[in-house]
Protein backbone atom coordinates (compact mmCIF):
# COMPACT_ATOMS: atom_id res chain seq x y z
CA MET A 1 109.07 116.01 110.32
CA THR A 2 107.42 119.05 108.37
CA ALA A 3 103.55 120.01 109.81
CA LEU A 4 101.89 120.03 106.81
CA PRO A 5 99.65 123.50 105.99
CA PRO A 6 96.64 124.04 107.88
CA GLU A 7 93.56 122.07 107.02
CA PRO A 8 90.01 124.65 106.26
CA PRO A 9 88.98 125.78 109.16
CA THR A 10 85.09 124.12 107.53
CA GLU A 11 86.11 120.92 107.75
CA PRO A 12 83.49 118.41 108.64
CA ILE A 13 83.97 116.51 112.55
CA PRO A 14 82.86 113.25 111.50
CA ASN A 15 81.05 112.68 115.34
CA PRO A 16 80.46 115.76 117.08
CA GLY A 17 79.48 113.71 120.18
CA ARG A 18 83.14 112.73 120.53
CA PRO A 19 85.71 114.98 120.77
CA SER A 20 87.56 116.08 118.44
CA ARG A 21 90.51 114.17 117.47
CA PRO A 22 94.34 115.97 116.81
CA SER A 23 94.73 117.36 113.27
CA LEU A 24 96.26 116.21 110.79
CA THR A 25 99.29 118.30 111.13
CA ALA A 26 99.51 117.74 114.70
CA ARG A 27 99.08 113.85 114.36
CA THR A 28 101.74 114.26 111.73
CA VAL A 29 104.43 115.35 113.86
CA ARG A 30 103.13 113.50 116.65
CA GLY A 31 103.90 110.18 114.63
CA PHE A 32 107.00 111.46 112.98
CA ALA A 33 108.24 112.40 116.82
CA TRP A 34 107.59 108.65 118.02
CA SER A 35 109.11 107.18 114.46
CA PHE A 36 111.89 109.14 115.38
CA THR A 37 112.30 108.01 118.97
CA GLY A 38 111.80 104.44 117.97
CA SER A 39 114.72 104.71 115.14
CA VAL A 40 117.07 107.03 117.03
CA GLY A 41 116.95 104.06 119.87
CA GLN A 42 116.87 101.10 117.14
CA ALA A 43 120.22 102.65 115.68
CA VAL A 44 121.59 103.18 119.02
CA LEU A 45 120.66 99.65 119.96
CA GLN A 46 122.34 98.24 116.46
CA ILE A 47 125.69 100.08 116.98
CA ALA A 48 125.85 98.93 120.83
CA ALA A 49 125.68 95.65 119.27
CA THR A 50 127.99 96.29 116.55
CA VAL A 51 130.68 97.50 119.38
CA VAL A 52 130.26 94.46 121.25
CA LEU A 53 129.75 91.43 117.85
CA ALA A 54 132.67 93.28 116.13
CA ARG A 55 134.92 92.12 118.23
CA LEU A 56 133.49 88.46 118.78
CA LEU A 57 132.86 87.45 115.20
CA THR A 58 134.98 88.07 112.15
CA PRO A 59 134.70 89.94 108.50
CA GLU A 60 133.97 86.50 107.32
CA GLU A 61 130.82 85.84 109.66
CA PHE A 62 129.31 89.01 109.31
CA GLY A 63 129.65 88.39 105.67
CA SER A 64 128.13 84.92 105.26
CA VAL A 65 124.83 86.65 107.28
CA ALA A 66 124.80 89.94 105.24
CA ALA A 67 125.03 87.53 101.77
CA ALA A 68 122.21 85.07 102.91
CA LEU A 69 120.19 88.32 104.02
CA LEU A 70 120.63 89.63 100.44
CA VAL A 71 118.33 86.51 98.91
CA VAL A 72 115.99 86.63 101.98
CA GLY A 73 115.29 90.24 101.57
CA LEU A 74 114.98 89.82 97.77
CA THR A 75 111.90 86.77 98.33
CA GLN A 76 110.55 88.97 101.41
CA LEU A 77 110.23 92.01 98.74
CA VAL A 78 108.68 89.66 96.02
CA THR A 79 105.89 88.03 98.40
CA GLN A 80 104.59 91.21 99.85
CA LEU A 81 103.53 92.78 96.63
CA GLY A 82 103.04 96.07 98.46
CA VAL A 83 100.24 95.22 100.96
CA ALA A 84 100.79 97.52 103.52
CA ALA A 85 101.48 100.30 101.28
CA ALA A 86 98.21 99.63 99.46
CA LEU A 87 96.14 99.56 102.64
CA VAL A 88 97.64 102.87 103.73
CA HIS A 89 96.62 103.93 100.17
CA ARG A 90 93.43 103.04 100.00
CA ARG A 91 90.24 105.24 101.01
CA GLU A 92 87.79 103.19 102.32
CA LEU A 93 88.76 99.86 104.17
CA THR A 94 87.11 97.46 105.61
CA ASP A 95 87.17 94.40 107.95
CA ARG A 96 87.23 91.95 104.58
CA ASP A 97 89.13 93.48 102.97
CA VAL A 98 92.03 93.26 105.96
CA ALA A 99 91.36 90.12 106.01
CA ALA A 100 91.50 89.42 102.28
CA ALA A 101 95.47 90.85 102.46
CA PHE A 102 96.25 89.52 105.65
CA TRP A 103 95.38 85.70 104.70
CA PHE A 104 97.14 86.44 100.88
CA SER A 105 100.24 87.74 102.52
CA ILE A 106 100.52 84.53 104.85
CA LEU A 107 99.87 82.16 102.23
CA LEU A 108 102.14 83.93 99.23
CA SER A 109 105.13 84.46 102.32
CA ALA A 110 104.57 80.73 103.17
CA ALA A 111 105.28 79.54 99.48
CA PHE A 112 108.01 81.50 99.17
CA ALA A 113 109.79 80.00 102.40
CA GLY A 114 108.80 76.85 101.63
CA LEU A 115 110.50 77.34 97.91
CA LEU A 116 113.41 79.12 100.11
CA PHE A 117 114.47 76.06 102.11
CA ALA A 118 114.01 74.07 99.21
CA PHE A 119 116.38 75.90 96.73
CA ALA A 120 118.91 77.04 99.29
CA PRO A 121 121.99 75.15 98.27
CA SER A 122 121.51 76.30 94.88
CA LEU A 123 121.16 79.69 95.78
CA ASN A 124 124.10 80.11 98.41
CA GLY A 125 126.58 79.91 95.40
CA LEU A 126 124.94 83.10 93.97
CA VAL A 127 125.74 85.10 97.00
CA GLY A 128 129.63 83.50 97.77
CA LEU A 129 128.53 81.19 100.15
CA PRO A 130 128.90 77.57 100.39
CA ALA A 131 126.69 75.17 98.95
CA ASP A 132 125.94 73.29 102.08
CA SER A 133 125.39 77.05 104.61
CA GLY A 134 122.83 76.52 106.49
CA LEU A 135 122.15 80.07 107.17
CA LEU A 136 119.05 80.75 104.22
CA ARG A 137 117.34 77.73 105.18
CA MET A 138 117.27 79.11 108.88
CA LEU A 139 116.23 82.33 107.62
CA SER A 140 113.39 81.00 105.65
CA VAL A 141 111.35 81.31 108.59
CA THR A 142 111.60 85.06 108.96
CA LEU A 143 109.64 85.16 105.55
CA VAL A 144 106.47 83.67 107.22
CA LEU A 145 106.70 85.84 110.04
CA ALA A 146 107.25 89.00 107.61
CA GLY A 147 104.11 88.26 105.92
CA ALA A 148 102.29 88.20 109.07
CA THR A 149 103.30 91.54 110.24
CA ALA A 150 102.49 92.97 106.63
CA VAL A 151 99.04 93.70 107.37
CA PRO A 152 99.43 94.97 110.76
CA THR A 153 101.82 97.04 109.52
CA GLY A 154 100.07 98.93 107.19
CA LEU A 155 97.12 99.38 109.81
CA LEU A 156 99.17 101.00 112.33
CA GLN A 157 101.05 103.15 109.67
CA ARG A 158 97.36 104.53 108.28
CA ASP A 159 96.04 105.50 111.53
CA LEU A 160 99.26 107.23 112.38
CA ARG A 161 100.32 104.89 115.69
CA PHE A 162 103.38 105.23 115.67
CA ARG A 163 104.02 105.26 119.10
CA PRO A 164 103.32 101.71 119.77
CA MET A 165 105.19 100.75 116.73
CA ALA A 166 108.05 102.48 117.83
CA VAL A 167 107.79 100.52 121.40
CA VAL A 168 107.30 97.06 119.22
CA ASP A 169 110.49 97.95 117.48
CA LEU A 170 112.69 98.77 120.34
CA LEU A 171 111.42 95.65 121.82
CA ALA A 172 112.62 93.66 118.93
CA ALA A 173 116.08 95.69 118.44
CA GLY A 174 116.87 95.29 122.45
CA PRO A 175 115.99 91.60 123.13
CA GLY A 176 115.68 90.14 119.88
CA ILE A 177 118.99 91.59 117.92
CA ILE A 178 121.13 92.58 120.80
CA GLY A 179 120.07 90.21 123.32
CA VAL A 180 120.21 86.75 121.26
CA SER A 181 122.92 87.89 118.98
CA VAL A 182 125.45 89.06 121.45
CA VAL A 183 125.02 86.05 124.04
CA LEU A 184 124.89 83.51 121.36
CA ALA A 185 127.98 85.42 119.95
CA LEU A 186 129.53 84.87 123.36
CA LEU A 187 128.38 81.28 123.46
CA GLY A 188 130.96 80.92 120.31
CA PHE A 189 127.83 80.40 117.62
CA GLY A 190 129.37 82.19 114.96
CA ALA A 191 127.44 83.74 111.92
CA THR A 192 124.71 81.54 113.43
CA ALA A 193 124.35 84.11 116.11
CA LEU A 194 122.98 86.56 113.79
CA ALA A 195 120.91 84.50 112.04
CA TRP A 196 119.02 83.45 115.22
CA ALA A 197 119.05 87.11 116.15
CA GLU A 198 116.67 88.29 112.90
CA ILE A 199 114.25 85.14 113.96
CA ALA A 200 113.94 86.66 117.26
CA ALA A 201 113.46 90.09 116.23
CA ALA A 202 110.80 89.19 113.31
CA LEU A 203 108.69 87.16 115.73
CA ILE A 204 108.80 90.05 118.38
CA LYS A 205 107.77 92.28 115.55
CA CYS A 206 105.01 90.13 114.44
CA VAL A 207 103.70 89.33 118.17
CA GLY A 208 103.96 92.87 118.59
CA TYR A 209 102.26 94.55 115.87
CA LEU A 210 99.57 91.20 115.81
CA ALA A 211 98.71 91.97 119.04
CA LEU A 212 98.74 95.93 118.52
CA THR A 213 95.76 95.50 115.36
CA ARG A 214 94.11 92.34 115.95
CA PRO A 215 93.00 92.07 112.05
CA SER A 216 90.01 90.97 110.95
CA VAL A 217 90.62 86.86 109.83
CA ALA A 218 87.66 86.11 108.59
CA VAL A 219 87.42 83.90 105.81
CA GLU A 220 85.29 84.39 102.56
CA ALA A 221 84.87 82.32 99.26
CA PRO A 222 88.11 82.29 97.37
CA SER A 223 86.31 84.72 94.46
CA ALA A 224 85.36 87.32 96.98
CA ALA A 225 88.31 87.50 98.93
CA TRP A 226 90.12 88.05 95.15
CA ALA A 227 87.51 90.77 93.97
CA ARG A 228 88.16 92.60 97.30
CA LEU A 229 92.62 91.77 96.85
CA ARG A 230 92.54 93.05 93.02
CA PRO A 231 92.67 97.23 93.70
CA MET A 232 94.67 96.91 96.26
CA LEU A 233 97.25 94.61 93.92
CA ASN A 234 96.82 97.14 91.28
CA PHE A 235 98.51 99.84 93.42
CA GLY A 236 100.77 97.18 95.45
CA SER A 237 102.03 96.14 92.47
CA GLY A 238 103.28 98.87 91.16
CA TYR A 239 104.49 99.89 94.40
CA SER A 240 106.78 96.52 94.41
CA LEU A 241 108.65 97.20 91.46
CA THR A 242 109.68 100.53 92.45
CA GLN A 243 110.87 98.75 95.83
CA LEU A 244 111.87 96.34 93.76
CA GLY A 245 114.19 98.77 91.82
CA ASN A 246 115.09 99.95 95.12
CA TRP A 247 116.21 96.95 96.66
CA ILE A 248 118.54 96.50 93.39
CA ALA A 249 119.83 99.42 94.05
CA LEU A 250 120.61 99.23 97.55
CA ASN A 251 121.71 95.89 97.57
CA ALA A 252 123.60 95.44 93.94
CA ASP A 253 126.89 96.56 95.61
CA ASN A 254 126.56 93.93 98.10
CA LEU A 255 125.96 91.54 95.11
CA VAL A 256 128.75 92.77 93.47
CA VAL A 257 131.36 92.61 96.36
CA ALA A 258 130.13 88.94 97.40
CA ASN A 259 130.65 87.48 93.86
CA VAL A 260 133.52 89.66 92.78
CA LEU A 261 135.43 89.90 95.82
CA GLY A 262 134.09 87.17 98.37
CA THR A 263 132.36 87.02 101.57
CA GLY A 264 134.83 88.34 103.48
CA PRO A 265 135.28 92.06 101.68
CA LEU A 266 131.38 91.86 101.92
CA GLY A 267 131.75 91.60 105.64
CA VAL A 268 133.66 94.68 105.51
CA TYR A 269 131.99 96.79 103.11
CA THR A 270 128.86 96.10 105.08
CA ARG A 271 130.50 97.26 108.73
CA ALA A 272 131.09 100.49 106.09
CA TYR A 273 127.62 100.80 104.98
CA ASN A 274 125.51 100.48 107.69
CA LEU A 275 127.83 102.94 109.98
CA LEU A 276 126.16 105.66 107.53
CA SER A 277 122.94 103.87 106.88
CA GLU A 278 121.95 104.15 110.41
CA PRO A 279 121.77 108.24 110.35
CA ALA A 280 119.69 107.88 106.88
CA ASN A 281 117.56 105.11 108.57
CA VAL A 282 116.96 107.00 111.35
CA ILE A 283 115.96 110.46 109.85
CA GLY A 284 114.71 109.38 106.45
CA GLY A 285 113.13 106.16 107.68
CA ALA A 286 111.30 108.44 110.45
CA ALA A 287 109.68 111.05 108.24
CA ASP A 288 108.91 108.56 105.19
CA LYS A 289 106.88 106.60 108.00
CA ALA A 290 104.55 109.61 109.18
CA LEU A 291 104.89 111.62 106.17
CA PHE A 292 103.33 109.06 103.27
CA PRO A 293 100.32 108.51 105.26
CA ALA A 294 99.96 112.44 105.73
CA MET A 295 100.47 113.25 102.39
CA ALA A 296 97.91 110.10 101.02
CA ARG A 297 95.21 111.86 103.21
CA VAL A 298 95.90 115.31 101.17
CA ARG A 299 97.07 113.73 97.54
CA ASP A 300 95.13 116.36 95.43
CA ASP A 301 96.55 119.40 97.19
CA GLY A 302 99.35 120.58 95.36
CA ALA A 303 100.40 123.70 97.06
CA ARG A 304 100.00 121.57 100.57
CA LEU A 305 102.19 118.53 99.25
CA ARG A 306 105.06 121.04 97.52
CA HIS A 307 104.97 122.91 101.39
CA ALA A 308 105.40 119.63 102.83
CA TYR A 309 108.09 118.55 100.69
CA VAL A 310 110.11 121.31 100.92
CA ARG A 311 109.67 122.22 104.86
CA THR A 312 110.30 118.42 105.30
CA SER A 313 113.51 118.09 103.16
CA SER A 314 114.85 121.44 104.85
CA LEU A 315 114.50 119.81 108.32
CA VAL A 316 116.20 116.64 106.88
CA ALA A 317 119.58 118.52 106.01
CA LEU A 318 119.22 120.54 109.08
CA VAL A 319 120.29 117.42 111.25
CA THR A 320 121.79 115.22 108.10
CA ALA A 321 124.38 117.54 106.54
CA PRO A 322 126.28 118.79 109.86
CA ALA A 323 126.05 115.08 111.02
CA ALA A 324 127.94 114.25 107.16
CA VAL A 325 130.59 116.77 107.74
CA LEU A 326 131.17 115.30 111.14
CA LEU A 327 131.32 111.76 109.91
CA PHE A 328 133.73 112.19 106.83
CA VAL A 329 136.03 114.13 109.28
CA LEU A 330 136.16 111.98 112.51
CA ALA A 331 135.52 108.49 110.74
CA PRO A 332 138.97 107.12 112.03
CA GLU A 333 138.04 107.81 115.41
CA VAL A 334 134.75 106.59 114.63
CA VAL A 335 135.60 102.86 112.97
CA HIS A 336 138.29 102.75 115.65
CA ILE A 337 135.82 102.98 119.14
CA LEU A 338 132.81 101.32 117.38
CA LEU A 339 135.07 98.63 115.44
CA GLY A 340 138.40 98.49 117.00
CA SER A 341 141.57 99.65 114.90
CA GLN A 342 141.58 96.34 113.19
CA TRP A 343 139.19 97.43 111.22
CA ASP A 344 141.08 100.46 109.46
CA ALA A 345 139.93 99.37 105.89
CA VAL A 346 136.56 100.80 106.80
CA ILE A 347 138.14 103.93 107.30
CA LEU A 348 137.41 105.40 103.46
CA PRO A 349 134.59 103.60 102.77
CA VAL A 350 132.47 105.68 105.57
CA GLN A 351 134.33 108.97 104.37
CA VAL A 352 133.10 108.49 100.88
CA PHE A 353 129.48 107.51 102.35
CA ALA A 354 129.55 110.39 104.83
CA LEU A 355 129.24 112.80 101.45
CA VAL A 356 126.10 111.53 100.37
CA LEU A 357 124.52 111.02 103.24
CA LEU A 358 122.30 114.01 102.24
CA PRO A 359 121.28 113.06 99.57
CA ARG A 360 120.54 109.59 100.65
CA THR A 361 118.30 110.38 103.41
CA SER A 362 116.58 112.92 101.77
CA TYR A 363 115.35 110.65 98.12
CA LYS A 364 113.60 108.91 100.49
CA ILE A 365 110.89 112.22 100.92
CA SER A 366 110.65 111.74 97.53
CA THR A 367 109.99 108.14 97.86
CA SER A 368 107.03 108.98 99.81
CA LEU A 369 105.41 111.94 97.78
CA THR A 370 105.64 108.76 94.82
CA ARG A 371 103.50 106.49 96.71
CA ALA A 372 101.09 108.75 98.38
CA THR A 373 100.19 110.41 94.97
CA GLY A 374 99.54 107.01 93.55
CA ALA A 375 102.72 107.25 90.71
CA VAL A 376 104.20 104.13 91.79
CA TYR A 377 104.57 102.70 88.12
CA ARG A 378 105.96 105.83 86.98
CA ALA A 379 108.40 105.76 89.44
CA ALA A 380 109.51 102.26 88.90
CA TRP A 381 111.60 102.99 85.96
CA ARG A 382 113.89 105.40 87.72
CA GLN A 383 114.15 103.04 90.41
CA TRP A 384 115.25 100.60 87.93
CA LEU A 385 117.62 103.08 86.44
CA TYR A 386 119.12 103.62 89.57
CA ALA A 387 119.90 99.83 89.91
CA ALA A 388 121.29 99.82 86.97
CA GLU A 389 123.23 102.64 87.53
CA VAL A 390 124.32 100.85 90.82
CA VAL A 391 125.32 97.72 89.38
CA VAL A 392 127.67 99.20 86.41
CA LEU A 393 129.41 101.80 88.77
CA CYS A 394 130.19 99.24 91.60
CA SER A 395 131.02 96.96 88.92
CA VAL A 396 133.80 98.85 87.50
CA GLY A 397 134.87 100.11 91.30
CA ALA A 398 135.24 96.42 92.54
CA ARG A 399 137.31 95.30 89.05
CA PHE A 400 139.92 98.31 89.58
CA TRP A 401 139.60 99.45 93.14
CA GLY A 402 138.14 96.77 95.41
CA VAL A 403 136.05 98.29 98.05
CA ASP A 404 136.61 101.59 98.59
CA GLY A 405 135.83 101.52 94.59
CA VAL A 406 132.33 100.08 95.06
CA ALA A 407 131.97 102.78 98.00
CA VAL A 408 132.91 105.54 95.10
CA GLY A 409 130.67 103.62 92.85
CA ALA A 410 127.58 103.12 95.24
CA SER A 411 127.85 107.12 95.92
CA ILE A 412 128.15 108.49 92.53
CA ALA A 413 124.81 106.68 91.81
CA ILE A 414 123.23 107.30 94.77
CA LEU A 415 123.82 111.14 93.99
CA ALA A 416 122.27 110.73 90.57
CA HIS A 417 119.09 109.25 91.97
CA PHE A 418 118.76 111.93 94.46
CA LEU A 419 118.65 114.52 90.99
CA VAL A 420 116.22 112.20 89.18
CA MET A 421 113.74 111.66 92.19
CA LEU A 422 114.20 115.33 92.87
CA ARG A 423 112.79 116.12 89.62
CA PHE A 424 110.30 113.55 89.60
CA SER A 425 108.88 114.64 92.80
CA ALA A 426 108.23 118.75 91.04
CA ARG A 427 105.89 117.48 88.64
CA VAL A 428 102.97 117.75 91.53
CA SER A 429 103.56 121.69 92.02
CA GLU A 430 105.23 124.49 90.31
CA GLY A 431 107.92 125.35 91.36
CA LEU A 432 108.84 123.08 93.83
CA MET A 433 112.33 122.23 92.41
CA GLY A 434 113.44 125.99 92.35
CA ALA A 435 112.49 126.21 96.54
CA VAL A 436 114.16 122.93 97.51
CA LEU A 437 117.27 124.00 95.35
CA ARG A 438 116.97 127.07 97.15
CA MET A 439 116.02 125.51 100.72
CA TYR A 440 119.57 123.83 100.62
CA VAL A 441 121.88 126.91 99.68
CA LYS A 442 120.89 127.97 103.06
CA HIS A 443 122.50 125.40 105.10
CA VAL A 444 125.41 126.24 102.85
CA PRO A 445 127.05 128.64 106.01
CA ALA A 446 126.31 125.78 108.80
CA VAL A 447 128.10 123.06 106.96
CA VAL A 448 131.40 125.27 106.04
CA ALA A 449 131.57 126.47 109.80
CA VAL A 450 130.88 122.50 111.21
CA ALA A 451 133.78 121.53 108.91
CA LEU A 452 136.17 124.10 109.88
CA ALA A 453 135.49 123.86 113.43
CA SER A 454 135.44 120.17 113.59
CA TRP A 455 138.54 119.93 111.37
CA ALA A 456 140.59 122.32 113.08
CA VAL A 457 140.13 120.76 116.55
CA ALA A 458 140.53 117.10 115.18
CA ALA A 459 144.03 118.00 113.57
CA ALA A 460 145.06 120.10 117.04
CA VAL A 461 143.63 116.99 119.54
CA ARG A 462 144.83 113.99 117.49
CA PRO A 463 148.62 114.09 118.66
CA ILE A 464 147.38 113.24 121.57
CA GLY A 465 146.55 109.99 120.96
CA SER A 466 142.84 109.19 122.08
CA ASP A 467 140.55 108.61 119.96
CA VAL A 468 137.56 109.33 122.37
CA LEU A 469 139.10 112.73 123.47
CA THR A 470 139.42 113.81 119.55
CA LEU A 471 136.06 112.21 118.99
CA VAL A 472 134.07 114.16 121.67
CA ALA A 473 135.99 117.74 121.15
CA ALA A 474 135.67 118.07 117.72
CA ALA A 475 132.00 116.82 117.50
CA ALA A 476 131.65 119.33 120.30
CA ALA A 477 133.25 121.56 117.63
CA GLY A 478 131.15 120.96 115.36
CA GLY A 479 128.11 121.14 117.85
CA VAL A 480 128.50 124.85 118.82
CA ALA A 481 129.19 126.17 115.13
CA ALA A 482 125.83 124.28 113.64
CA LEU A 483 124.10 125.58 116.65
CA GLY A 484 125.98 129.30 116.75
CA VAL A 485 125.15 129.59 112.71
CA LEU A 486 121.43 128.64 113.28
CA VAL A 487 121.20 131.17 115.56
CA LEU A 488 122.84 134.31 113.61
CA LEU A 489 120.64 133.18 110.76
CA ARG A 490 117.13 131.92 112.23
CA GLY A 491 115.00 134.39 110.37
CA ARG A 492 115.86 132.23 107.93
CA PHE A 493 114.84 129.45 109.85
CA ALA A 494 111.95 130.33 111.03
CA GLU A 495 109.42 127.77 110.08
CA GLU A 496 112.14 125.01 110.97
CA LEU A 497 112.38 126.17 114.30
CA ALA A 498 108.50 126.45 114.85
CA VAL A 499 108.40 122.63 113.43
CA VAL A 500 111.13 121.76 116.38
CA ALA A 501 108.85 123.55 118.99
CA ASN A 502 105.87 122.27 117.58
CA LEU A 503 107.61 118.55 118.20
CA ARG A 504 108.29 119.38 122.11
CA ARG A 505 104.61 120.96 122.66
CA GLY A 506 102.61 118.25 120.50
CA LYS A 507 101.11 121.44 119.29
CA LYS A 508 99.81 122.28 115.89
CA VAL A 509 102.19 125.21 114.18
CA PRO A 510 100.15 127.82 112.29
CA VAL A 511 101.93 128.25 109.06
CA PRO A 512 101.02 130.08 105.67
CA ALA A 513 98.98 128.42 103.36
């Protein structure tokens, strides 16, 4: 996460009688640190659950729940209408604004939950589920819980309170996802073990976020509430259009697999996709959570936005590029250790997705910038273009090459979308695109060094026949190579290393304006 360029020294203090709050830079950096910590914790817990559940459940059972979550996820996105993002984006926010948004979100989510429950038998066939499957009806309750969580999420992000958010998220991922899913899978609940885990995690997050924020719930006349909601929904609707396009882009491949190949191949595909989405979500998701509210506060300062964008992209590349190389080289060992040898069909899709791990993570920074500057409608059609690319490329891949073809199609679409969003982001400040491309070039030596070191060691150790030994030895060699390059070229990475030191000390790092 980048430290934003320093605020002007003459910035007024709202209340001189109180100790001054940390600068926006320091709060943003700390926010990223806690978001990243929470995301890493969730990823570790998710991987632990995957290791156990892959040996308890079949690809068909994984695929059935993944198919049901497609419908639930789309419905949830439609019901939110960008309420949380709108709360973060507003310059001024009153308790009555919060109350109006809260009740709107609750009522709309409850209405859609009822519709989903009623029409579940008809919707099952759209994602390859049997007409009598009860998964959609089970998961409809998560819509109401998500509706109650939307406003607290926006309030926590607005105030950069990422530490308590991380704690709640870890509780949801631990006792919620792992505790419930593993225990119920051991008891023979099959696919419903995963569904109950989703419900438990949503409940924990809802209760936790509400307890942290205690939002105003005062009820006022519908006309007055609507007057408060209209400006928020104007921004939120544009944001939702963007998110809807992004959701379709991220899930169209799953829809294609479910409809063309079935829930069994969908289980295989989602295992491969999730193994690569975890690193992307950990890094890119944490950056997005902390960067969006910080950028929103300096939305009119092109120089500071450019500085934040470039440095954040470099920090993301510093971690993601070597990780992508290691995942590509060590995909067989990663799959065997985490899922078991019965999941060999996952190896090639994992390697394909590893090639686009960096652009998949980095375009989230462009998404943060888009929301922060309010350009949600102009960004929406670009997300829909991304969605169309995924649908077309994955459909062609599925028809001719099955799951592997879908992975290739999705990866090509990811790379194209990354370039489109980078070009769109360049509008905020002259020279941004050139600065970003030059920044990526300086990471090439580390990528080459990691690739050569990890491949050589893996090739030498694999004949021994131990997946664990190969993984540890090759990953260690790649890590040493990456650190060696960073030390040799530390002058090129002075600003990135300063931010890392800032994260460790929790202090503001002075940087050039």
